Protein backbone atom coordinates (compact mmCIF):
# COMPACT_ATOMS: atom_id res chain seq x y z
CA MET A 1 -17.52 -3.59 20.42
CA ASN A 2 -14.06 -4.02 18.86
CA THR A 3 -11.11 -2.35 20.52
CA ASN A 4 -8.32 -0.37 18.86
CA ALA A 5 -5.60 -2.60 17.45
CA PRO A 6 -2.44 -2.84 19.59
CA ALA A 7 0.55 -1.07 17.99
CA LEU A 8 2.66 -4.25 17.82
CA LYS A 9 -0.06 -6.29 16.07
CA ARG A 10 -0.74 -3.46 13.67
CA PHE A 11 2.96 -3.16 12.86
CA LEU A 12 3.33 -6.97 12.34
CA ALA A 13 0.28 -6.97 10.04
CA PHE A 14 1.87 -4.06 8.16
CA LEU A 15 5.12 -6.03 7.70
CA ILE A 16 3.25 -9.11 6.46
CA ASP A 17 1.15 -7.07 4.05
CA TRP A 18 4.10 -4.98 2.90
CA TYR A 19 6.02 -8.19 1.99
CA LEU A 20 3.10 -9.95 0.27
CA SER A 21 1.94 -6.84 -1.62
CA SER A 22 5.50 -6.09 -2.77
CA LEU A 23 5.92 -9.63 -3.90
CA PHE A 24 2.57 -9.65 -5.67
CA GLY A 25 3.17 -6.21 -7.24
CA SER A 26 6.55 -7.19 -8.55
CA ILE A 27 5.23 -10.08 -10.63
CA PRO A 28 4.09 -7.93 -13.59
CA VAL A 29 7.33 -5.95 -13.55
CA ILE A 30 9.39 -9.18 -13.58
CA ILE A 31 7.21 -10.62 -16.43
CA VAL A 32 7.59 -7.42 -18.51
CA GLN A 33 11.37 -7.26 -17.81
CA SER A 34 11.76 -10.94 -18.78
CA SER A 35 9.64 -10.49 -21.94
CA ALA A 36 11.58 -7.37 -23.00
CA GLN A 37 14.97 -9.09 -22.45
CA LYS A 38 13.75 -12.45 -23.84
CA ASP A 39 15.24 -14.17 -20.82
CA LEU A 40 14.14 -14.98 -17.35
CA ILE A 41 15.20 -11.89 -15.46
CA LEU A 42 14.33 -11.37 -11.82
CA LEU A 43 14.75 -7.61 -11.96
CA ASN A 44 12.19 -5.73 -9.89
CA GLN A 45 12.64 -2.28 -11.37
CA LEU A 46 11.56 -0.34 -14.44
CA ASP A 47 15.11 0.74 -15.42
CA GLY A 48 16.12 -0.49 -18.83
CA LEU A 49 12.54 -0.76 -20.15
CA SER A 50 11.19 1.41 -22.94
CA LEU A 51 8.73 4.06 -21.76
CA PRO A 52 5.63 2.15 -23.06
CA LEU A 53 6.78 -1.07 -21.39
CA ALA A 54 7.56 0.84 -18.14
CA TRP A 55 4.06 2.36 -18.14
CA THR A 56 2.52 -1.08 -18.75
CA ALA A 57 4.55 -2.69 -15.93
CA CYS A 58 3.77 0.19 -13.51
CA ILE A 59 0.02 0.15 -14.25
CA ALA A 60 -0.06 -3.63 -13.84
CA ALA A 61 1.85 -3.37 -10.52
CA LEU A 62 -0.58 -0.70 -9.30
CA PHE A 63 -3.43 -2.93 -10.27
CA CYS A 64 -1.94 -5.81 -8.19
CA HIS A 65 -1.51 -3.41 -5.29
CA PHE A 66 -5.18 -2.34 -5.67
CA LEU A 67 -6.30 -5.96 -5.68
CA TYR A 68 -4.34 -6.68 -2.51
CA TYR A 69 -5.13 -3.58 -0.45
CA CYS A 70 -8.56 -2.55 -1.82
CA TYR A 71 -10.38 -5.33 -3.54
CA LEU A 72 -9.41 -8.15 -1.18
CA PRO A 73 -10.47 -6.23 2.01
CA SER A 74 -13.75 -5.18 0.38
CA ARG A 75 -14.78 -8.83 0.05
CA PRO A 76 -15.76 -11.00 2.98
CA GLY A 77 -13.12 -13.54 4.01
CA LYS A 78 -13.71 -17.08 5.20
CA ASN A 79 -14.62 -15.62 8.57
CA GLY A 80 -17.30 -13.50 6.86
CA LEU A 81 -15.51 -10.22 7.77
CA LYS A 82 -14.66 -7.44 5.40
CA GLY A 83 -11.78 -4.97 5.91
CA GLN A 84 -8.97 -7.47 6.20
CA THR A 85 -5.76 -7.95 4.16
CA LEU A 86 -3.97 -11.28 4.61
CA GLY A 87 -1.77 -9.82 7.38
CA MET A 88 -4.78 -8.45 9.19
CA ARG A 89 -6.57 -11.82 8.96
CA LEU A 90 -3.54 -13.61 10.40
CA LEU A 91 -3.34 -11.20 13.35
CA HIS A 92 -7.10 -10.85 13.83
CA LEU A 93 -7.34 -7.15 12.92
CA GLN A 94 -9.97 -5.37 10.89
CA LEU A 95 -10.34 -2.01 9.21
CA LEU A 96 -13.69 -0.28 9.91
CA SER A 97 -15.20 3.11 9.57
CA GLU A 98 -15.24 5.27 12.76
CA THR A 99 -18.88 4.26 13.14
CA GLY A 100 -17.98 0.54 13.06
CA GLU A 101 -19.21 -0.23 9.54
CA PRO A 102 -17.16 -2.05 6.89
CA LEU A 103 -15.29 0.28 4.52
CA SER A 104 -16.48 0.58 0.96
CA LEU A 105 -14.26 -0.18 -2.01
CA GLY A 106 -14.11 3.55 -2.67
CA ILE A 107 -12.89 4.43 0.81
CA LEU A 108 -10.35 1.53 0.70
CA THR A 109 -9.11 2.80 -2.66
CA VAL A 110 -8.65 6.34 -1.37
CA ARG A 111 -7.08 5.05 1.85
CA HIS A 112 -4.50 2.84 0.22
CA MET A 113 -3.93 4.02 -3.31
CA VAL A 114 -3.87 7.73 -2.47
CA PHE A 115 -2.70 8.04 1.13
CA VAL A 116 -0.53 5.01 1.48
CA ILE A 117 1.10 4.83 -1.95
CA LEU A 118 1.41 8.54 -2.60
CA LEU A 119 1.74 10.06 0.85
CA GLN A 120 3.45 7.40 2.89
CA GLY A 121 4.46 4.77 0.37
CA TYR A 122 8.19 5.10 -0.07
CA LEU A 123 8.59 1.52 1.12
CA THR A 124 5.91 0.10 -1.24
CA SER A 125 7.10 -1.24 -4.59
CA SER A 126 4.22 0.47 -6.39
CA HIS A 127 5.36 3.87 -5.09
CA LEU A 128 8.95 3.15 -6.24
CA TYR A 129 7.62 2.25 -9.67
CA LEU A 130 5.70 5.53 -9.82
CA VAL A 131 8.81 7.52 -8.84
CA SER A 132 10.93 5.63 -11.44
CA LEU A 133 8.29 6.16 -14.11
CA PHE A 134 8.09 9.87 -13.30
CA GLN A 135 11.86 10.19 -13.58
CA MET A 136 11.89 8.26 -16.92
CA THR A 137 9.12 10.43 -18.27
CA THR A 138 10.47 13.84 -17.19
CA ASP A 139 14.21 13.19 -16.76
CA ALA A 140 13.88 14.84 -13.35
CA TYR A 141 15.74 13.40 -10.40
CA ILE A 142 13.21 13.70 -7.58
CA VAL A 143 14.32 10.95 -5.12
CA PRO A 144 15.71 13.32 -2.44
CA TYR A 145 12.54 15.38 -2.48
CA VAL A 146 10.30 12.29 -2.33
CA GLN A 147 12.36 10.88 0.52
CA THR A 148 12.09 14.14 2.48
CA PHE A 149 8.37 14.32 1.88
CA TYR A 150 8.02 10.66 2.95
CA TYR A 151 9.88 11.26 6.22
CA ILE A 152 7.73 14.31 6.97
CA MET A 153 4.53 12.33 6.33
CA VAL A 154 5.64 9.36 8.41
CA LEU A 155 6.54 11.65 11.27
CA LEU A 156 3.20 13.47 11.04
CA SER A 157 1.36 10.10 10.92
CA LEU A 158 3.22 8.71 13.88
CA ALA A 159 2.62 11.91 15.87
CA LEU A 160 -1.08 11.65 15.09
CA TYR A 161 -1.04 8.04 16.21
CA LEU A 162 0.90 8.68 19.46
CA PHE A 163 -1.00 11.79 20.51
CA SER A 164 -4.54 10.95 19.43
CA ARG A 165 -7.01 9.28 21.70
CA ARG A 166 -8.17 6.90 18.97
CA ARG A 167 -4.66 5.79 17.91
CA GLN A 168 -5.20 6.61 14.21
CA LEU A 169 -2.54 7.02 11.55
CA LEU A 170 -2.84 9.78 8.93
CA GLN A 171 -4.68 7.55 6.46
CA ASP A 172 -7.10 6.56 9.18
CA ARG A 173 -7.83 10.17 10.05
CA LEU A 174 -8.27 11.32 6.50
CA THR A 175 -10.63 8.43 5.60
CA ARG A 176 -12.40 8.30 8.99
CA SER A 177 -11.38 4.70 9.50
CA ARG A 178 -9.77 2.74 12.34
CA MET A 179 -7.94 -0.53 12.81
CA THR A 180 -9.55 -2.78 15.42
CA ALA A 181 -8.60 -5.96 17.19
CA LEU A 182 -11.14 -8.78 16.98
């Protein structure tokens, strides 16, 4: 049976995945920015775009994030295993249900798109696009509130990880999943 993933390997996989997913998710935003300005602009933010273009860029970025964190792990890799992002594959980690079964696309979607982007995603580009889009749509400045909420959620998740027997983060607990070492 697979063992729980060591914290360092899990953190390194997170860093790899964070970088790759942010890079992948920024592509549509850069394309929309460049198209709107009619020049090659490597601007990874929604500021300066019209509201319809900002919505388009944000939805496309969320779709890229979905492909990376949900669709990719729902498909078997070259090793035949499901439940792996590129960072997890490199570090020989796998996401499984608590019972040891591969996670469905629906569970992966809830785990990453809801819990990671919304609850703990202040570092993800997709979350930043959502906050920016919300501010553009409502003219409300919510960054301090989002940051405070993010810090609380990260502390809660780390506390759950440190003080639980199974070493699960918040998104693991809420979706009944676990990260294992192969």
